[in-house]
Amino acid sequence: MTTGQDMENRIRRNIAVLSPVHLTVENESHRHRSGPGAETHFKVTVVSDAFSGKSLVERHRSLYQLLGEELKEGVHALALHCFTPQEWKQKGQSAASPVCAGGE
């Protein structure tokens, strides 16, 4: 398992290939029973032209493919929010993450 912001930075680097116009990677591990310093649960909001013409499932698949190693190495959950720039302009924010049943 990684420590600090190592996993968050890896996620950012891998998603950079999509040339996002907006990218947030939020470590939400503290909302779960992951322990101090954990990097297991992330909320990722990506706005990219690469999503144009793709379904939500295709968008998620592309991110899972980009983050395959991270998922194998300790990332337990990804809340993915994928938008085209036009969709983001209309929406302007991603949904709040639900409260974890096992969280504190």
N, C-alpha and C. Protein backbone atom coordinates (compact mmCIF):
# COMPACT_ATOMS: atom_id res chain seq x y z
N MET A 1 0.85 -1.18 0.00
CA MET A 1 0.00 0.00 0.00
C MET A 1 0.88 1.24 0.00
N THR A 2 0.44 2.27 -0.67
CA THR A 2 1.20 3.51 -0.75
C THR A 2 0.85 4.43 0.40
N THR A 3 1.65 5.46 0.58
CA THR A 3 1.38 6.41 1.65
C THR A 3 1.40 7.82 1.10
N GLY A 4 0.94 8.76 1.89
CA GLY A 4 0.92 10.15 1.47
C GLY A 4 -0.02 10.36 0.31
N GLN A 5 0.45 11.09 -0.70
CA GLN A 5 -0.38 11.35 -1.88
C GLN A 5 0.14 10.58 -3.09
N ASP A 6 0.84 9.52 -2.84
CA ASP A 6 1.44 8.74 -3.91
C ASP A 6 0.40 8.21 -4.89
N MET A 7 -0.63 7.56 -4.39
CA MET A 7 -1.65 6.98 -5.25
C MET A 7 -2.44 8.07 -5.97
N GLU A 8 -2.77 9.12 -5.26
CA GLU A 8 -3.47 10.24 -5.88
C GLU A 8 -2.69 10.79 -7.06
N ASN A 9 -1.38 10.96 -6.91
CA ASN A 9 -0.54 11.46 -7.98
C ASN A 9 -0.47 10.48 -9.14
N ARG A 10 -0.42 9.20 -8.85
CA ARG A 10 -0.42 8.18 -9.91
C ARG A 10 -1.71 8.24 -10.72
N ILE A 11 -2.83 8.39 -10.02
CA ILE A 11 -4.12 8.50 -10.71
C ILE A 11 -4.12 9.72 -11.63
N ARG A 12 -3.65 10.85 -11.12
CA ARG A 12 -3.58 12.07 -11.93
C ARG A 12 -2.72 11.88 -13.17
N ARG A 13 -1.54 11.29 -13.00
CA ARG A 13 -0.63 11.07 -14.14
C ARG A 13 -1.26 10.18 -15.20
N ASN A 14 -1.92 9.12 -14.78
CA ASN A 14 -2.51 8.20 -15.75
C ASN A 14 -3.67 8.84 -16.51
N ILE A 15 -4.46 9.63 -15.83
CA ILE A 15 -5.61 10.27 -16.48
C ILE A 15 -5.17 11.41 -17.40
N ALA A 16 -3.98 11.93 -17.20
CA ALA A 16 -3.48 13.05 -18.01
C ALA A 16 -3.48 12.73 -19.50
N VAL A 17 -3.41 11.46 -19.87
CA VAL A 17 -3.42 11.09 -21.29
C VAL A 17 -4.74 11.48 -21.97
N LEU A 18 -5.79 11.73 -21.19
CA LEU A 18 -7.08 12.15 -21.74
C LEU A 18 -7.13 13.67 -21.96
N SER A 19 -6.05 14.36 -21.65
CA SER A 19 -5.99 15.83 -21.76
C SER A 19 -7.21 16.49 -21.13
N PRO A 20 -7.44 16.23 -19.85
CA PRO A 20 -8.62 16.80 -19.20
C PRO A 20 -8.55 18.32 -19.11
N VAL A 21 -9.71 18.95 -19.29
CA VAL A 21 -9.79 20.40 -19.08
C VAL A 21 -10.11 20.69 -17.61
N HIS A 22 -10.54 19.66 -16.91
CA HIS A 22 -10.79 19.74 -15.46
C HIS A 22 -10.56 18.34 -14.89
N LEU A 23 -9.83 18.28 -13.78
CA LEU A 23 -9.59 17.00 -13.12
C LEU A 23 -9.48 17.23 -11.62
N THR A 24 -10.30 16.52 -10.87
CA THR A 24 -10.12 16.50 -9.42
C THR A 24 -10.03 15.04 -8.99
N VAL A 25 -9.11 14.79 -8.09
CA VAL A 25 -8.94 13.47 -7.50
C VAL A 25 -8.98 13.67 -6.00
N GLU A 26 -10.05 13.17 -5.38
CA GLU A 26 -10.24 13.37 -3.95
C GLU A 26 -10.08 12.04 -3.22
N ASN A 27 -9.17 12.01 -2.26
CA ASN A 27 -8.99 10.82 -1.45
C ASN A 27 -10.08 10.82 -0.38
N GLU A 28 -11.01 9.89 -0.50
CA GLU A 28 -12.12 9.80 0.45
C GLU A 28 -11.94 8.63 1.42
N SER A 29 -10.74 8.11 1.52
CA SER A 29 -10.47 6.97 2.38
C SER A 29 -10.82 7.23 3.84
N HIS A 30 -10.66 8.48 4.26
CA HIS A 30 -10.96 8.85 5.66
C HIS A 30 -12.43 8.65 6.00
N ARG A 31 -13.29 8.57 4.99
CA ARG A 31 -14.72 8.38 5.21
C ARG A 31 -15.08 6.89 5.34
N HIS A 32 -14.08 6.05 5.30
CA HIS A 32 -14.27 4.60 5.36
C HIS A 32 -13.38 4.04 6.47
N ARG A 33 -13.43 2.78 6.67
CA ARG A 33 -12.60 2.17 7.71
C ARG A 33 -11.24 1.77 7.15
N SER A 34 -10.60 2.71 6.51
CA SER A 34 -9.33 2.43 5.86
C SER A 34 -8.12 2.73 6.71
N GLY A 35 -8.29 3.47 7.77
CA GLY A 35 -7.17 3.81 8.65
C GLY A 35 -6.46 5.07 8.21
N PRO A 36 -5.69 5.67 9.12
CA PRO A 36 -4.97 6.91 8.83
C PRO A 36 -3.98 6.73 7.68
N GLY A 37 -3.95 7.72 6.78
CA GLY A 37 -3.00 7.70 5.67
C GLY A 37 -3.35 6.77 4.53
N ALA A 38 -4.52 6.15 4.59
CA ALA A 38 -4.90 5.19 3.55
C ALA A 38 -5.19 5.89 2.23
N GLU A 39 -4.99 5.16 1.17
CA GLU A 39 -5.32 5.62 -0.18
C GLU A 39 -6.06 4.50 -0.89
N THR A 40 -7.30 4.30 -0.47
CA THR A 40 -8.07 3.17 -0.97
C THR A 40 -9.37 3.57 -1.66
N HIS A 41 -9.90 4.73 -1.35
CA HIS A 41 -11.18 5.19 -1.88
C HIS A 41 -11.00 6.58 -2.49
N PHE A 42 -11.34 6.73 -3.77
CA PHE A 42 -11.15 8.00 -4.45
C PHE A 42 -12.39 8.41 -5.21
N LYS A 43 -12.62 9.71 -5.24
CA LYS A 43 -13.65 10.31 -6.08
C LYS A 43 -12.89 11.06 -7.18
N VAL A 44 -13.17 10.69 -8.43
CA VAL A 44 -12.47 11.26 -9.56
C VAL A 44 -13.47 11.95 -10.48
N THR A 45 -13.26 13.23 -10.73
CA THR A 45 -14.07 13.98 -11.68
C THR A 45 -13.17 14.38 -12.84
N VAL A 46 -13.55 13.93 -14.05
CA VAL A 46 -12.76 14.18 -15.25
C VAL A 46 -13.65 14.84 -16.30
N VAL A 47 -13.16 15.95 -16.84
CA VAL A 47 -13.84 16.62 -17.94
C VAL A 47 -12.88 16.59 -19.12
N SER A 48 -13.31 15.92 -20.20
CA SER A 48 -12.42 15.75 -21.34
C SER A 48 -13.20 15.60 -22.64
N ASP A 49 -12.64 16.15 -23.71
CA ASP A 49 -13.22 15.94 -25.03
C ASP A 49 -13.14 14.48 -25.44
N ALA A 50 -12.25 13.71 -24.80
CA ALA A 50 -12.11 12.29 -25.12
C ALA A 50 -13.40 11.52 -24.83
N PHE A 51 -14.29 12.08 -24.03
CA PHE A 51 -15.55 11.41 -23.70
C PHE A 51 -16.67 11.70 -24.71
N SER A 52 -16.43 12.61 -25.64
CA SER A 52 -17.45 12.96 -26.62
C SER A 52 -17.87 11.73 -27.43
N GLY A 53 -19.18 11.54 -27.51
CA GLY A 53 -19.73 10.42 -28.27
C GLY A 53 -19.65 9.07 -27.57
N LYS A 54 -19.17 9.05 -26.33
CA LYS A 54 -19.05 7.80 -25.58
C LYS A 54 -20.13 7.72 -24.51
N SER A 55 -20.63 6.50 -24.31
CA SER A 55 -21.61 6.28 -23.26
C SER A 55 -20.92 6.36 -21.90
N LEU A 56 -21.70 6.44 -20.86
CA LEU A 56 -21.15 6.46 -19.50
C LEU A 56 -20.34 5.20 -19.23
N VAL A 57 -20.83 4.06 -19.67
CA VAL A 57 -20.11 2.79 -19.48
C VAL A 57 -18.77 2.83 -20.21
N GLU A 58 -18.73 3.34 -21.42
CA GLU A 58 -17.47 3.44 -22.17
C GLU A 58 -16.49 4.38 -21.47
N ARG A 59 -17.00 5.44 -20.92
CA ARG A 59 -16.14 6.40 -20.20
C ARG A 59 -15.52 5.73 -18.97
N HIS A 60 -16.34 5.03 -18.21
CA HIS A 60 -15.85 4.33 -17.02
C HIS A 60 -14.84 3.25 -17.40
N ARG A 61 -15.14 2.51 -18.44
CA ARG A 61 -14.21 1.47 -18.89
C ARG A 61 -12.85 2.05 -19.25
N SER A 62 -12.85 3.20 -19.91
CA SER A 62 -11.58 3.81 -20.29
C SER A 62 -10.77 4.20 -19.05
N LEU A 63 -11.45 4.68 -18.02
CA LEU A 63 -10.73 5.02 -16.78
C LEU A 63 -10.26 3.77 -16.04
N TYR A 64 -11.08 2.74 -16.00
CA TYR A 64 -10.65 1.49 -15.37
C TYR A 64 -9.42 0.92 -16.07
N GLN A 65 -9.39 1.05 -17.39
CA GLN A 65 -8.24 0.57 -18.14
C GLN A 65 -6.99 1.39 -17.80
N LEU A 66 -7.15 2.70 -17.73
CA LEU A 66 -6.01 3.56 -17.39
C LEU A 66 -5.51 3.33 -15.97
N LEU A 67 -6.41 2.94 -15.07
CA LEU A 67 -6.06 2.80 -13.65
C LEU A 67 -5.97 1.34 -13.21
N GLY A 68 -5.78 0.45 -14.13
CA GLY A 68 -5.72 -0.98 -13.82
C GLY A 68 -4.69 -1.35 -12.75
N GLU A 69 -3.50 -0.81 -12.86
CA GLU A 69 -2.45 -1.12 -11.88
C GLU A 69 -2.81 -0.59 -10.50
N GLU A 70 -3.37 0.59 -10.45
CA GLU A 70 -3.76 1.18 -9.17
C GLU A 70 -4.85 0.35 -8.50
N LEU A 71 -5.76 -0.17 -9.29
CA LEU A 71 -6.81 -1.03 -8.73
C LEU A 71 -6.23 -2.33 -8.20
N LYS A 72 -5.20 -2.82 -8.84
CA LYS A 72 -4.54 -4.06 -8.37
C LYS A 72 -3.70 -3.80 -7.12
N GLU A 73 -3.26 -2.56 -6.94
CA GLU A 73 -2.32 -2.23 -5.87
C GLU A 73 -2.93 -1.51 -4.68
N GLY A 74 -4.23 -1.67 -4.46
CA GLY A 74 -4.78 -1.13 -3.23
C GLY A 74 -5.96 -0.20 -3.34
N VAL A 75 -6.22 0.35 -4.53
CA VAL A 75 -7.41 1.18 -4.66
C VAL A 75 -8.61 0.25 -4.63
N HIS A 76 -9.46 0.47 -3.67
CA HIS A 76 -10.62 -0.40 -3.43
C HIS A 76 -11.87 0.13 -4.12
N ALA A 77 -12.01 1.46 -4.20
CA ALA A 77 -13.23 2.04 -4.74
C ALA A 77 -12.92 3.33 -5.48
N LEU A 78 -13.58 3.48 -6.63
CA LEU A 78 -13.49 4.71 -7.41
C LEU A 78 -14.90 5.22 -7.68
N ALA A 79 -15.17 6.44 -7.27
CA ALA A 79 -16.42 7.11 -7.64
C ALA A 79 -16.05 7.95 -8.86
N LEU A 80 -16.52 7.54 -10.04
CA LEU A 80 -16.13 8.19 -11.28
C LEU A 80 -17.23 9.12 -11.79
N HIS A 81 -16.82 10.33 -12.12
CA HIS A 81 -17.72 11.33 -12.67
C HIS A 81 -17.05 11.85 -13.94
N CYS A 82 -17.59 11.46 -15.09
CA CYS A 82 -16.96 11.73 -16.38
C CYS A 82 -17.86 12.60 -17.25
N PHE A 83 -17.33 13.73 -17.69
CA PHE A 83 -18.11 14.69 -18.46
C PHE A 83 -17.35 15.17 -19.68
N THR A 84 -18.09 15.55 -20.72
CA THR A 84 -17.50 16.33 -21.80
C THR A 84 -17.49 17.78 -21.32
N PRO A 85 -16.71 18.64 -21.96
CA PRO A 85 -16.72 20.05 -21.54
C PRO A 85 -18.12 20.68 -21.62
N GLN A 86 -18.91 20.30 -22.61
CA GLN A 86 -20.25 20.84 -22.75
C GLN A 86 -21.14 20.39 -21.59
N GLU A 87 -21.05 19.12 -21.22
CA GLU A 87 -21.83 18.61 -20.09
C GLU A 87 -21.42 19.29 -18.79
N TRP A 88 -20.12 19.48 -18.61
CA TRP A 88 -19.61 20.11 -17.40
C TRP A 88 -20.07 21.57 -17.30
N LYS A 89 -20.11 22.23 -18.45
CA LYS A 89 -20.57 23.63 -18.47
C LYS A 89 -22.01 23.72 -17.98
N GLN A 90 -22.83 22.74 -18.35
CA GLN A 90 -24.22 22.72 -17.92
C GLN A 90 -24.36 22.29 -16.46
N LYS A 91 -23.59 21.29 -16.06
CA LYS A 91 -23.72 20.72 -14.72
C LYS A 91 -22.89 21.50 -13.70
N GLY A 92 -21.62 21.72 -14.01
CA GLY A 92 -20.75 22.52 -13.16
C GLY A 92 -20.21 21.87 -11.91
N GLN A 93 -20.66 20.67 -11.59
CA GLN A 93 -20.13 19.96 -10.41
C GLN A 93 -20.52 18.49 -10.49
N SER A 94 -19.81 17.67 -9.75
CA SER A 94 -20.15 16.26 -9.67
C SER A 94 -20.98 16.03 -8.41
N ALA A 95 -21.65 14.93 -8.38
CA ALA A 95 -22.52 14.60 -7.24
C ALA A 95 -21.69 14.32 -6.00
N ALA A 96 -22.27 14.59 -4.85
CA ALA A 96 -21.61 14.26 -3.58
C ALA A 96 -21.56 12.75 -3.42
N SER A 97 -20.50 12.28 -2.80
CA SER A 97 -20.38 10.86 -2.54
C SER A 97 -21.32 10.44 -1.43
N PRO A 98 -21.88 9.25 -1.53
CA PRO A 98 -22.77 8.77 -0.47
C PRO A 98 -21.98 8.45 0.81
N VAL A 99 -22.66 8.44 1.90
CA VAL A 99 -22.04 8.08 3.17
C VAL A 99 -21.78 6.58 3.16
N CYS A 100 -20.59 6.17 3.55
CA CYS A 100 -20.25 4.76 3.58
C CYS A 100 -20.89 4.09 4.79
N ALA A 101 -21.55 2.97 4.56
CA ALA A 101 -22.20 2.24 5.64
C ALA A 101 -21.19 1.76 6.68
N GLY A 102 -19.96 1.51 6.26
CA GLY A 102 -18.94 1.03 7.18
C GLY A 102 -18.03 2.13 7.68
N GLY A 103 -18.30 3.36 7.27
CA GLY A 103 -17.47 4.48 7.66
C GLY A 103 -17.73 4.96 9.06
N GLU A 104 -16.98 5.96 9.44
CA GLU A 104 -17.13 6.51 10.78
C GLU A 104 -17.71 7.89 10.72
